[in-house]
PDB file of N, CA and C in Angstrom:
ATOM      1  N   MET A   1      13.160 -41.053 -35.969  1.00  0.00           N
ATOM      2  CA  MET A   1      12.973 -41.279 -34.594  1.00  0.00           C
ATOM      3  C   MET A   1      12.866 -40.122 -33.807  1.00  0.00           C
ATOM      4  N   ASN A   2      11.790 -39.613 -32.972  1.00  0.00           N
ATOM      5  CA  ASN A   2      11.682 -38.429 -32.390  1.00  0.00           C
ATOM      6  C   ASN A   2      12.625 -38.358 -30.754  1.00  0.00           C
ATOM      7  N   ARG A   3      13.492 -37.594 -31.127  1.00  0.00           N
ATOM      8  CA  ARG A   3      14.581 -37.285 -29.595  1.00  0.00           C
ATOM      9  C   ARG A   3      13.814 -36.178 -29.190  1.00  0.00           C
ATOM     10  N   HIS A   4      13.725 -36.192 -27.658  1.00  0.00           N
ATOM     11  CA  HIS A   4      13.371 -34.734 -26.740  1.00  0.00           C
ATOM     12  C   HIS A   4      13.921 -34.728 -25.884  1.00  0.00           C
ATOM     13  N   VAL A   5      14.936 -33.539 -25.433  1.00  0.00           N
ATOM     14  CA  VAL A   5      15.684 -33.536 -24.507  1.00  0.00           C
ATOM     15  C   VAL A   5      14.788 -33.124 -23.273  1.00  0.00           C
ATOM     16  N   ARG A   6      15.341 -33.710 -21.748  1.00  0.00           N
ATOM     17  CA  ARG A   6      14.577 -33.410 -20.897  1.00  0.00           C
ATOM     18  C   ARG A   6      15.656 -33.470 -19.690  1.00  0.00           C
ATOM     19  N   LYS A   7      15.639 -33.263 -18.717  1.00  0.00           N
ATOM     20  CA  LYS A   7      16.641 -33.158 -17.619  1.00  0.00           C
ATOM     21  C   LYS A   7      16.615 -34.590 -16.303  1.00  0.00           C
ATOM     22  N   LEU A   8      17.556 -35.169 -16.130  1.00  0.00           N
ATOM     23  CA  LEU A   8      17.685 -36.214 -15.266  1.00  0.00           C
ATOM     24  C   LEU A   8      18.357 -35.450 -13.860  1.00  0.00           C
ATOM     25  N   LEU A   9      17.411 -35.346 -12.727  1.00  0.00           N
ATOM     26  CA  LEU A   9      17.642 -34.966 -11.792  1.00  0.00           C
ATOM     27  C   LEU A   9      18.087 -36.042 -10.711  1.00  0.00           C
ATOM     28  N   THR A  10      19.172 -36.182 -10.290  1.00  0.00           N
ATOM     29  CA  THR A  10      19.919 -37.214  -9.276  1.00  0.00           C
ATOM     30  C   THR A  10      19.700 -36.926  -8.057  1.00  0.00           C
ATOM     31  N   ILE A  11      19.299 -37.621  -6.999  1.00  0.00           N
ATOM     32  CA  ILE A  11      19.307 -37.390  -5.781  1.00  0.00           C
ATOM     33  C   ILE A  11      20.051 -38.739  -4.879  1.00  0.00           C
ATOM     34  N   VAL A  12      21.117 -38.244  -4.308  1.00  0.00           N
ATOM     35  CA  VAL A  12      21.804 -39.156  -3.130  1.00  0.00           C
ATOM     36  C   VAL A  12      21.895 -38.845  -1.880  1.00  0.00           C
ATOM     37  N   THR A  13      20.798 -39.636  -1.131  1.00  0.00           N
ATOM     38  CA  THR A  13      20.533 -39.165   0.470  1.00  0.00           C
ATOM     39  C   THR A  13      20.027 -40.302   0.826  1.00  0.00           C
ATOM     40  N   GLU A  14      19.980 -40.025   2.168  1.00  0.00           N
ATOM     41  CA  GLU A  14      19.781 -40.929   3.597  1.00  0.00           C
ATOM     42  C   GLU A  14      18.298 -41.851   3.156  1.00  0.00           C
ATOM     43  N   ALA A  15      18.488 -42.792   3.204  1.00  0.00           N
ATOM     44  CA  ALA A  15      17.334 -43.716   3.065  1.00  0.00           C
ATOM     45  C   ALA A  15      16.217 -43.252   4.169  1.00  0.00           C
ATOM     46  N   ALA A  16      16.394 -43.073   4.926  1.00  0.00           N
ATOM     47  CA  ALA A  16      15.135 -42.578   6.149  1.00  0.00           C
ATOM     48  C   ALA A  16      14.437 -41.465   5.273  1.00  0.00           C
ATOM     49  N   LEU A  17      14.802 -40.961   4.401  1.00  0.00           N
ATOM     50  CA  LEU A  17      13.968 -39.616   3.747  1.00  0.00           C
ATOM     51  C   LEU A  17      13.019 -40.084   2.602  1.00  0.00           C
ATOM     52  N   GLU A  18      13.209 -41.473   2.098  1.00  0.00           N
ATOM     53  CA  GLU A  18      12.681 -41.673   0.894  1.00  0.00           C
ATOM     54  C   GLU A  18      11.227 -41.447   0.985  1.00  0.00           C
ATOM     55  N   ASN A  19      10.345 -41.817   2.083  1.00  0.00           N
ATOM     56  CA  ASN A  19       8.886 -41.208   1.919  1.00  0.00           C
ATOM     57  C   ASN A  19       8.731 -40.003   1.768  1.00  0.00           C
ATOM     58  N   LEU A  20       9.379 -39.496   2.589  1.00  0.00           N
ATOM     59  CA  LEU A  20       9.344 -37.780   2.638  1.00  0.00           C
ATOM     60  C   LEU A  20       9.280 -36.979   1.303  1.00  0.00           C
ATOM     61  N   LEU A  21      10.529 -37.690   0.494  1.00  0.00           N
ATOM     62  CA  LEU A  21      10.771 -37.107  -0.641  1.00  0.00           C
ATOM     63  C   LEU A  21       9.945 -37.793  -1.653  1.00  0.00           C
ATOM     64  N   VAL A  22       9.730 -38.742  -1.843  1.00  0.00           N
ATOM     65  CA  VAL A  22       8.542 -39.300  -2.803  1.00  0.00           C
ATOM     66  C   VAL A  22       7.525 -38.513  -2.584  1.00  0.00           C
ATOM     67  N   LYS A  23       6.951 -38.102  -1.507  1.00  0.00           N
ATOM     68  CA  LYS A  23       5.780 -37.262  -1.337  1.00  0.00           C
ATOM     69  C   LYS A  23       5.976 -35.454  -1.830  1.00  0.00           C
ATOM     70  N   ASP A  24       7.086 -35.251  -1.819  1.00  0.00           N
ATOM     71  CA  ASP A  24       7.751 -33.984  -2.055  1.00  0.00           C
ATOM     72  C   ASP A  24       7.607 -34.010  -3.673  1.00  0.00           C
ATOM     73  N   LEU A  25       8.472 -34.921  -4.317  1.00  0.00           N
ATOM     74  CA  LEU A  25       8.371 -35.375  -5.908  1.00  0.00           C
ATOM     75  C   LEU A  25       7.214 -34.960  -6.624  1.00  0.00           C
ATOM     76  N   GLU A  26       6.094 -35.835  -5.972  1.00  0.00           N
ATOM     77  CA  GLU A  26       4.586 -35.789  -6.523  1.00  0.00           C
ATOM     78  C   GLU A  26       3.998 -34.654  -6.320  1.00  0.00           C
ATOM     79  N   ARG A  27       4.264 -33.819  -5.103  1.00  0.00           N
ATOM     80  CA  ARG A  27       3.541 -32.646  -5.294  1.00  0.00           C
ATOM     81  C   ARG A  27       4.028 -31.654  -5.978  1.00  0.00           C
ATOM     82  N   LEU A  28       5.476 -31.731  -6.174  1.00  0.00           N
ATOM     83  CA  LEU A  28       6.270 -30.522  -6.831  1.00  0.00           C
ATOM     84  C   LEU A  28       6.032 -30.819  -8.638  1.00  0.00           C
ATOM     85  N   GLY A  29       5.525 -32.143  -8.921  1.00  0.00           N
ATOM     86  CA  GLY A  29       5.272 -32.073 -10.252  1.00  0.00           C
ATOM     87  C   GLY A  29       5.942 -33.028 -11.140  1.00  0.00           C
ATOM     88  N   ALA A  30       6.740 -34.420 -10.417  1.00  0.00           N
ATOM     89  CA  ALA A  30       7.435 -35.434 -10.681  1.00  0.00           C
ATOM     90  C   ALA A  30       6.421 -36.084 -11.221  1.00  0.00           C
ATOM     91  N   HIS A  31       6.529 -36.970 -12.771  1.00  0.00           N
ATOM     92  CA  HIS A  31       5.375 -37.644 -13.048  1.00  0.00           C
ATOM     93  C   HIS A  31       5.848 -39.129 -12.754  1.00  0.00           C
ATOM     94  N   GLY A  32       7.333 -39.407 -12.360  1.00  0.00           N
ATOM     95  CA  GLY A  32       7.539 -40.610 -12.080  1.00  0.00           C
ATOM     96  C   GLY A  32       9.123 -40.481 -11.510  1.00  0.00           C
ATOM     97  N   TYR A  33       9.749 -41.406 -10.974  1.00  0.00           N
ATOM     98  CA  TYR A  33      11.172 -41.394 -10.156  1.00  0.00           C
ATOM     99  C   TYR A  33      11.545 -43.084  -9.995  1.00  0.00           C
ATOM    100  N   THR A  34      12.807 -43.159 -10.178  1.00  0.00           N
ATOM    101  CA  THR A  34      13.343 -44.495  -9.579  1.00  0.00           C
ATOM    102  C   THR A  34      14.297 -44.397  -8.446  1.00  0.00           C
ATOM    103  N   VAL A  35      13.984 -45.425  -7.441  1.00  0.00           N
ATOM    104  CA  VAL A  35      14.665 -45.332  -6.316  1.00  0.00           C
ATOM    105  C   VAL A  35      15.472 -46.505  -6.253  1.00  0.00           C
ATOM    106  N   SER A  36      16.847 -46.594  -6.094  1.00  0.00           N
ATOM    107  CA  SER A  36      17.842 -47.649  -5.801  1.00  0.00           C
ATOM    108  C   SER A  36      18.299 -47.592  -4.531  1.00  0.00           C
ATOM    109  N   ASP A  37      19.116 -48.563  -3.978  1.00  0.00           N
ATOM    110  CA  ASP A  37      19.978 -48.407  -2.782  1.00  0.00           C
ATOM    111  C   ASP A  37      21.180 -47.759  -3.434  1.00  0.00           C
ATOM    112  N   ALA A  38      22.033 -47.261  -2.649  1.00  0.00           N
ATOM    113  CA  ALA A  38      23.532 -46.591  -2.924  1.00  0.00           C
ATOM    114  C   ALA A  38      24.503 -46.881  -1.645  1.00  0.00           C
ATOM    115  N   ARG A  39      25.789 -47.081  -2.232  1.00  0.00           N
ATOM    116  CA  ARG A  39      26.955 -47.139  -1.434  1.00  0.00           C
ATOM    117  C   ARG A  39      27.740 -46.098  -1.867  1.00  0.00           C
ATOM    118  N   GLY A  40      28.797 -45.544  -0.807  1.00  0.00           N
ATOM    119  CA  GLY A  40      29.897 -44.649  -1.456  1.00  0.00           C
ATOM    120  C   GLY A  40      30.518 -43.818  -0.089  1.00  0.00           C
ATOM    121  N   LYS A  41      31.363 -43.270  -0.543  1.00  0.00           N
ATOM    122  CA  LYS A  41      31.633 -42.269   0.626  1.00  0.00           C
ATOM    123  C   LYS A  41      31.969 -40.699   0.090  1.00  0.00           C
ATOM    124  N   GLY A  42      31.762 -39.738   1.010  1.00  0.00           N
ATOM    125  CA  GLY A  42      31.699 -38.211   0.762  1.00  0.00           C
ATOM    126  C   GLY A  42      32.256 -37.660   1.808  1.00  0.00           C
ATOM    127  N   ALA A  43      32.162 -36.355   1.830  1.00  0.00           N
ATOM    128  CA  ALA A  43      32.388 -35.420   3.185  1.00  0.00           C
ATOM    129  C   ALA A  43      31.375 -35.909   4.465  1.00  0.00           C
ATOM    130  N   ARG A  44      30.585 -36.788   4.554  1.00  0.00           N
ATOM    131  CA  ARG A  44      29.804 -37.236   5.805  1.00  0.00           C
ATOM    132  C   ARG A  44      30.297 -38.353   6.141  1.00  0.00           C
ATOM    133  N   GLY A  45      31.559 -38.976   5.344  1.00  0.00           N
ATOM    134  CA  GLY A  45      32.067 -40.444   5.562  1.00  0.00           C
ATOM    135  C   GLY A  45      31.270 -41.734   4.824  1.00  0.00           C
ATOM    136  N   ALA A  46      31.778 -42.841   4.947  1.00  0.00           N
ATOM    137  CA  ALA A  46      31.147 -43.578   4.310  1.00  0.00           C
ATOM    138  C   ALA A  46      29.815 -44.378   4.355  1.00  0.00           C
ATOM    139  N   ARG A  47      29.059 -44.383   3.614  1.00  0.00           N
ATOM    140  CA  ARG A  47      27.911 -45.045   3.848  1.00  0.00           C
ATOM    141  C   ARG A  47      27.542 -46.104   3.334  1.00  0.00           C
ATOM    142  N   THR A  48      27.186 -47.469   3.971  1.00  0.00           N
ATOM    143  CA  THR A  48      26.874 -48.826   3.443  1.00  0.00           C
ATOM    144  C   THR A  48      25.492 -49.027   3.547  1.00  0.00           C
ATOM    145  N   SER A  49      25.410 -50.350   2.770  1.00  0.00           N
ATOM    146  CA  SER A  49      23.627 -50.343   2.411  1.00  0.00           C
ATOM    147  C   SER A  49      23.144 -51.322   3.612  1.00  0.00           C
ATOM    148  N   ALA A  50      24.264 -51.902   4.389  1.00  0.00           N
ATOM    149  CA  ALA A  50      23.910 -52.759   5.252  1.00  0.00           C
ATOM    150  C   ALA A  50      22.946 -52.950   6.291  1.00  0.00           C
ATOM    151  N   TRP A  51      22.904 -51.561   6.670  1.00  0.00           N
ATOM    152  CA  TRP A  51      21.657 -51.266   7.635  1.00  0.00           C
ATOM    153  C   TRP A  51      20.321 -50.115   7.142  1.00  0.00           C
ATOM    154  N   ASP A  52      19.431 -50.518   7.188  1.00  0.00           N
ATOM    155  CA  ASP A  52      18.331 -49.518   6.544  1.00  0.00           C
ATOM    156  C   ASP A  52      18.579 -48.136   7.204  1.00  0.00           C
ATOM    157  N   THR A  53      18.834 -48.059   8.548  1.00  0.00           N
ATOM    158  CA  THR A  53      18.562 -46.492   9.048  1.00  0.00           C
ATOM    159  C   THR A  53      19.818 -45.773   8.588  1.00  0.00           C
ATOM    160  N   SER A  54      21.185 -46.537   8.059  1.00  0.00           N
ATOM    161  CA  SER A  54      22.094 -45.784   7.762  1.00  0.00           C
ATOM    162  C   SER A  54      22.476 -45.815   6.378  1.00  0.00           C
ATOM    163  N   SER A  55      21.475 -46.537   5.550  1.00  0.00           N
ATOM    164  CA  SER A  55      21.777 -46.730   4.306  1.00  0.00           C
ATOM    165  C   SER A  55      21.593 -45.432   3.271  1.00  0.00           C
ATOM    166  N   ASN A  56      22.184 -45.458   2.131  1.00  0.00           N
ATOM    167  CA  ASN A  56      21.956 -44.324   1.410  1.00  0.00           C
ATOM    168  C   ASN A  56      20.823 -44.776   0.186  1.00  0.00           C
ATOM    169  N   ILE A  57      20.010 -43.822  -0.629  1.00  0.00           N
ATOM    170  CA  ILE A  57      19.114 -44.194  -1.513  1.00  0.00           C
ATOM    171  C   ILE A  57      19.648 -43.173  -2.882  1.00  0.00           C
ATOM    172  N   ARG A  58      19.323 -43.626  -3.801  1.00  0.00           N
ATOM    173  CA  ARG A  58      19.719 -42.831  -5.252  1.00  0.00           C
ATOM    174  C   ARG A  58      18.227 -42.862  -5.914  1.00  0.00           C
ATOM    175  N   ILE A  59      17.879 -41.344  -5.927  1.00  0.00           N
ATOM    176  CA  ILE A  59      16.603 -41.061  -6.676  1.00  0.00           C
ATOM    177  C   ILE A  59      16.664 -40.503  -7.839  1.00  0.00           C
ATOM    178  N   GLU A  60      16.160 -40.736  -8.977  1.00  0.00           N
ATOM    179  CA  GLU A  60      16.216 -40.508 -10.461  1.00  0.00           C
ATOM    180  C   GLU A  60      14.770 -39.944 -10.959  1.00  0.00           C
ATOM    181  N   VAL A  61      15.032 -38.747 -11.500  1.00  0.00           N
ATOM    182  CA  VAL A  61      13.473 -38.031 -11.728  1.00  0.00           C
ATOM    183  C   VAL A  61      13.951 -37.379 -13.069  1.00  0.00           C
ATOM    184  N   VAL A  62      13.563 -38.163 -14.328  1.00  0.00           N
ATOM    185  CA  VAL A  62      13.495 -37.503 -15.793  1.00  0.00           C
ATOM    186  C   VAL A  62      11.995 -36.406 -15.852  1.00  0.00           C
ATOM    187  N   CYS A  63      12.581 -35.006 -16.070  1.00  0.00           N
ATOM    188  CA  CYS A  63      11.813 -34.229 -16.179  1.00  0.00           C
ATOM    189  C   CYS A  63      12.045 -32.926 -17.097  1.00  0.00           C
ATOM    190  N   ASP A  64      10.961 -32.098 -17.092  1.00  0.00           N
ATOM    191  CA  ASP A  64      11.241 -30.793 -17.755  1.00  0.00           C
ATOM    192  C   ASP A  64      12.213 -29.842 -16.774  1.00  0.00           C
ATOM    193  N   GLU A  65      12.875 -28.971 -17.367  1.00  0.00           N
ATOM    194  CA  GLU A  65      13.930 -28.370 -16.725  1.00  0.00           C
ATOM    195  C   GLU A  65      13.153 -27.462 -15.669  1.00  0.00           C
ATOM    196  N   ALA A  66      11.880 -27.088 -15.971  1.00  0.00           N
ATOM    197  CA  ALA A  66      11.310 -26.129 -14.763  1.00  0.00           C
ATOM    198  C   ALA A  66      11.156 -26.867 -13.709  1.00  0.00           C
ATOM    199  N   THR A  67      10.474 -28.143 -13.943  1.00  0.00           N
ATOM    200  CA  THR A  67      10.173 -29.196 -12.862  1.00  0.00           C
ATOM    201  C   THR A  67      11.459 -29.491 -11.977  1.00  0.00           C
ATOM    202  N   ALA A  68      12.478 -29.636 -12.478  1.00  0.00           N
ATOM    203  CA  ALA A  68      14.069 -29.999 -11.801  1.00  0.00           C
ATOM    204  C   ALA A  68      14.196 -29.109 -11.009  1.00  0.00           C
ATOM    205  N   ASP A  69      14.231 -27.623 -11.772  1.00  0.00           N
ATOM    206  CA  ASP A  69      14.778 -26.707 -10.860  1.00  0.00           C
ATOM    207  C   ASP A  69      13.733 -26.321  -9.400  1.00  0.00           C
ATOM    208  N   THR A  70      12.507 -26.514  -9.638  1.00  0.00           N
ATOM    209  CA  THR A  70      11.546 -26.404  -8.297  1.00  0.00           C
ATOM    210  C   THR A  70      12.052 -27.246  -7.662  1.00  0.00           C
ATOM    211  N   ILE A  71      12.383 -28.734  -7.945  1.00  0.00           N
ATOM    212  CA  ILE A  71      12.482 -29.895  -7.013  1.00  0.00           C
ATOM    213  C   ILE A  71      14.006 -29.669  -6.410  1.00  0.00           C
ATOM    214  N   ALA A  72      14.752 -29.168  -6.762  1.00  0.00           N
ATOM    215  CA  ALA A  72      16.369 -29.128  -6.738  1.00  0.00           C
ATOM    216  C   ALA A  72      16.120 -28.009  -5.774  1.00  0.00           C
ATOM    217  N   ALA A  73      15.571 -26.822  -5.990  1.00  0.00           N
ATOM    218  CA  ALA A  73      15.456 -25.396  -4.778  1.00  0.00           C
ATOM    219  C   ALA A  73      14.931 -26.053  -3.924  1.00  0.00           C
ATOM    220  N   HIS A  74      13.701 -26.715  -3.846  1.00  0.00           N
ATOM    221  CA  HIS A  74      13.059 -27.315  -2.888  1.00  0.00           C
ATOM    222  C   HIS A  74      13.732 -28.040  -1.645  1.00  0.00           C
ATOM    223  N   LEU A  75      14.485 -29.203  -2.214  1.00  0.00           N
ATOM    224  CA  LEU A  75      15.402 -29.937  -1.466  1.00  0.00           C
ATOM    225  C   LEU A  75      16.628 -29.164  -0.838  1.00  0.00           C
ATOM    226  N   GLN A  76      17.214 -28.185  -1.374  1.00  0.00           N
ATOM    227  CA  GLN A  76      18.470 -27.426  -0.972  1.00  0.00           C
ATOM    228  C   GLN A  76      17.531 -26.784   0.143  1.00  0.00           C
ATOM    229  N   ALA A  77      16.311 -26.199   0.061  1.00  0.00           N
ATOM    230  CA  ALA A  77      16.027 -25.477   1.231  1.00  0.00           C
ATOM    231  C   ALA A  77      15.544 -26.119   2.158  1.00  0.00           C
ATOM    232  N   HIS A  78      15.200 -27.283   2.133  1.00  0.00           N
ATOM    233  CA  HIS A  78      14.394 -28.079   3.009  1.00  0.00           C
ATOM    234  C   HIS A  78      15.195 -28.913   4.037  1.00  0.00           C
ATOM    235  N   TYR A  79      16.283 -29.572   2.965  1.00  0.00           N
ATOM    236  CA  TYR A  79      17.117 -30.759   3.468  1.00  0.00           C
ATOM    237  C   TYR A  79      18.626 -30.493   3.512  1.00  0.00           C
ATOM    238  N   TYR A  80      19.180 -29.882   2.973  1.00  0.00           N
ATOM    239  CA  TYR A  80      20.538 -29.428   3.010  1.00  0.00           C
ATOM    240  C   TYR A  80      21.353 -29.335   4.565  1.00  0.00           C
ATOM    241  N   ASP A  81      20.709 -28.353   5.146  1.00  0.00           N
ATOM    242  CA  ASP A  81      21.259 -28.004   6.160  1.00  0.00           C
ATOM    243  C   ASP A  81      21.314 -29.494   6.918  1.00  0.00           C
ATOM    244  N   ASN A  82      20.643 -30.490   7.008  1.00  0.00           N
ATOM    245  CA  ASN A  82      20.214 -31.209   8.159  1.00  0.00           C
ATOM    246  C   ASN A  82      20.542 -32.641   7.581  1.00  0.00           C
ATOM    247  N   TYR A  83      20.856 -33.019   6.397  1.00  0.00           N
ATOM    248  CA  TYR A  83      20.780 -34.374   5.859  1.00  0.00           C
ATOM    249  C   TYR A  83      21.977 -34.490   5.018  1.00  0.00           C
ATOM    250  N   ALA A  84      22.494 -35.677   4.816  1.00  0.00           N
ATOM    251  CA  ALA A  84      23.475 -35.847   3.966  1.00  0.00           C
ATOM    252  C   ALA A  84      22.491 -36.010   2.570  1.00  0.00           C
ATOM    253  N   MET A  85      22.863 -35.172   1.656  1.00  0.00           N
ATOM    254  CA  MET A  85      22.456 -35.063   0.316  1.00  0.00           C
ATOM    255  C   MET A  85      22.919 -34.593  -0.678  1.00  0.00           C
ATOM    256  N   ILE A  86      23.310 -34.732  -1.851  1.00  0.00           N
ATOM    257  CA  ILE A  86      23.561 -34.187  -2.843  1.00  0.00           C
ATOM    258  C   ILE A  86      22.746 -34.350  -4.083  1.00  0.00           C
ATOM    259  N   LEU A  87      22.444 -33.242  -5.123  1.00  0.00           N
ATOM    260  CA  LEU A  87      21.878 -33.230  -6.400  1.00  0.00           C
ATOM    261  C   LEU A  87      22.880 -33.194  -7.312  1.00  0.00           C
ATOM    262  N   PHE A  88      22.365 -33.864  -8.444  1.00  0.00           N
ATOM    263  CA  PHE A  88      23.219 -33.492  -9.906  1.00  0.00           C
ATOM    264  C   PHE A  88      22.223 -33.500 -10.904  1.00  0.00           C
ATOM    265  N   MET A  89      22.359 -32.890 -11.804  1.00  0.00           N
ATOM    266  CA  MET A  89      21.557 -32.889 -12.997  1.00  0.00           C
ATOM    267  C   MET A  89      22.121 -32.822 -14.440  1.00  0.00           C
ATOM    268  N   ALA A  90      21.361 -33.659 -15.259  1.00  0.00           N
ATOM    269  CA  ALA A  90      22.161 -33.590 -16.650  1.00  0.00           C
ATOM    270  C   ALA A  90      21.027 -33.472 -17.652  1.00  0.00           C
ATOM    271  N   ASP A  91      21.536 -33.391 -18.940  1.00  0.00           N
ATOM    272  CA  ASP A  91      20.544 -33.357 -20.189  1.00  0.00           C
ATOM    273  C   ASP A  91      20.232 -34.758 -20.384  1.00  0.00           C
ATOM    274  N   VAL A  92      19.294 -35.332 -20.778  1.00  0.00           N
ATOM    275  CA  VAL A  92      19.175 -36.744 -21.663  1.00  0.00           C
ATOM    276  C   VAL A  92      18.170 -36.796 -22.654  1.00  0.00           C
ATOM    277  N   THR A  93      18.475 -37.723 -23.439  1.00  0.00           N
ATOM    278  CA  THR A  93      17.320 -37.740 -24.576  1.00  0.00           C
ATOM    279  C   THR A  93      16.294 -39.099 -24.622  1.00  0.00           C
ATOM    280  N   VAL A  94      15.185 -38.332 -24.648  1.00  0.00           N
ATOM    281  CA  VAL A  94      14.090 -39.299 -24.529  1.00  0.00           C
ATOM    282  C   VAL A  94      13.175 -39.697 -25.836  1.00  0.00           C
ATOM    283  N   MET A  95      12.645 -40.829 -25.608  1.00  0.00           N
ATOM    284  CA  MET A  95      11.945 -40.908 -26.865  1.00  0.00           C
ATOM    285  C   MET A  95      10.525 -40.691 -26.823  1.00  0.00           C
ATOM    286  N   ARG A  96       9.825 -40.864 -25.510  1.00  0.00           N
ATOM    287  CA  ARG A  96       8.463 -40.728 -25.419  1.00  0.00           C
ATOM    288  C   ARG A  96       8.384 -39.306 -24.425  1.00  0.00           C
ATOM    289  N   PRO A  97       8.408 -38.557 -24.845  1.00  0.00           N
ATOM    290  CA  PRO A  97       8.408 -37.123 -24.037  1.00  0.00           C
ATOM    291  C   PRO A  97       7.260 -36.962 -23.296  1.00  0.00           C
ATOM    292  N   GLU A  98       5.857 -37.554 -23.697  1.00  0.00           N
ATOM    293  CA  GLU A  98       4.690 -37.215 -22.678  1.00  0.00           C
ATOM    294  C   GLU A  98       4.698 -38.095 -21.634  1.00  0.00           C
ATOM    295  N   LYS A  99       5.857 -38.996 -21.248  1.00  0.00           N
ATOM    296  CA  LYS A  99       6.204 -39.770 -20.223  1.00  0.00           C
ATOM    297  C   LYS A  99       6.361 -38.757 -19.252  1.00  0.00           C
ATOM    298  N   PHE A 100       7.412 -37.716 -19.727  1.00  0.00           N
ATOM    299  CA  PHE A 100       8.254 -36.917 -18.860  1.00  0.00           C
ATOM    300  C   PHE A 100       7.742 -35.506 -18.479  1.00  0.00           C
TER     301      PHE A 100
END
């Protein structure tokens, strides 16, 4: 079994940003992504998924390290100051590296 290490970049942010972020991800080299609803509490208070405009989303991107770094730098520069957003990265093992 062939195993390959990639980065998992996870973005938790305001649902209102989804369309903008999807365009950014595609432009910055992500081959794909997964978007799901998210709930929780952080420095900017509790966020529920009950209202579309105030809900959070979680976007996961599996990609190479350079792409993850490029996306993270862009999001920090363009969104951190004005939106509730966190990013985190982890190493993941994939079996089909050509997909990422």
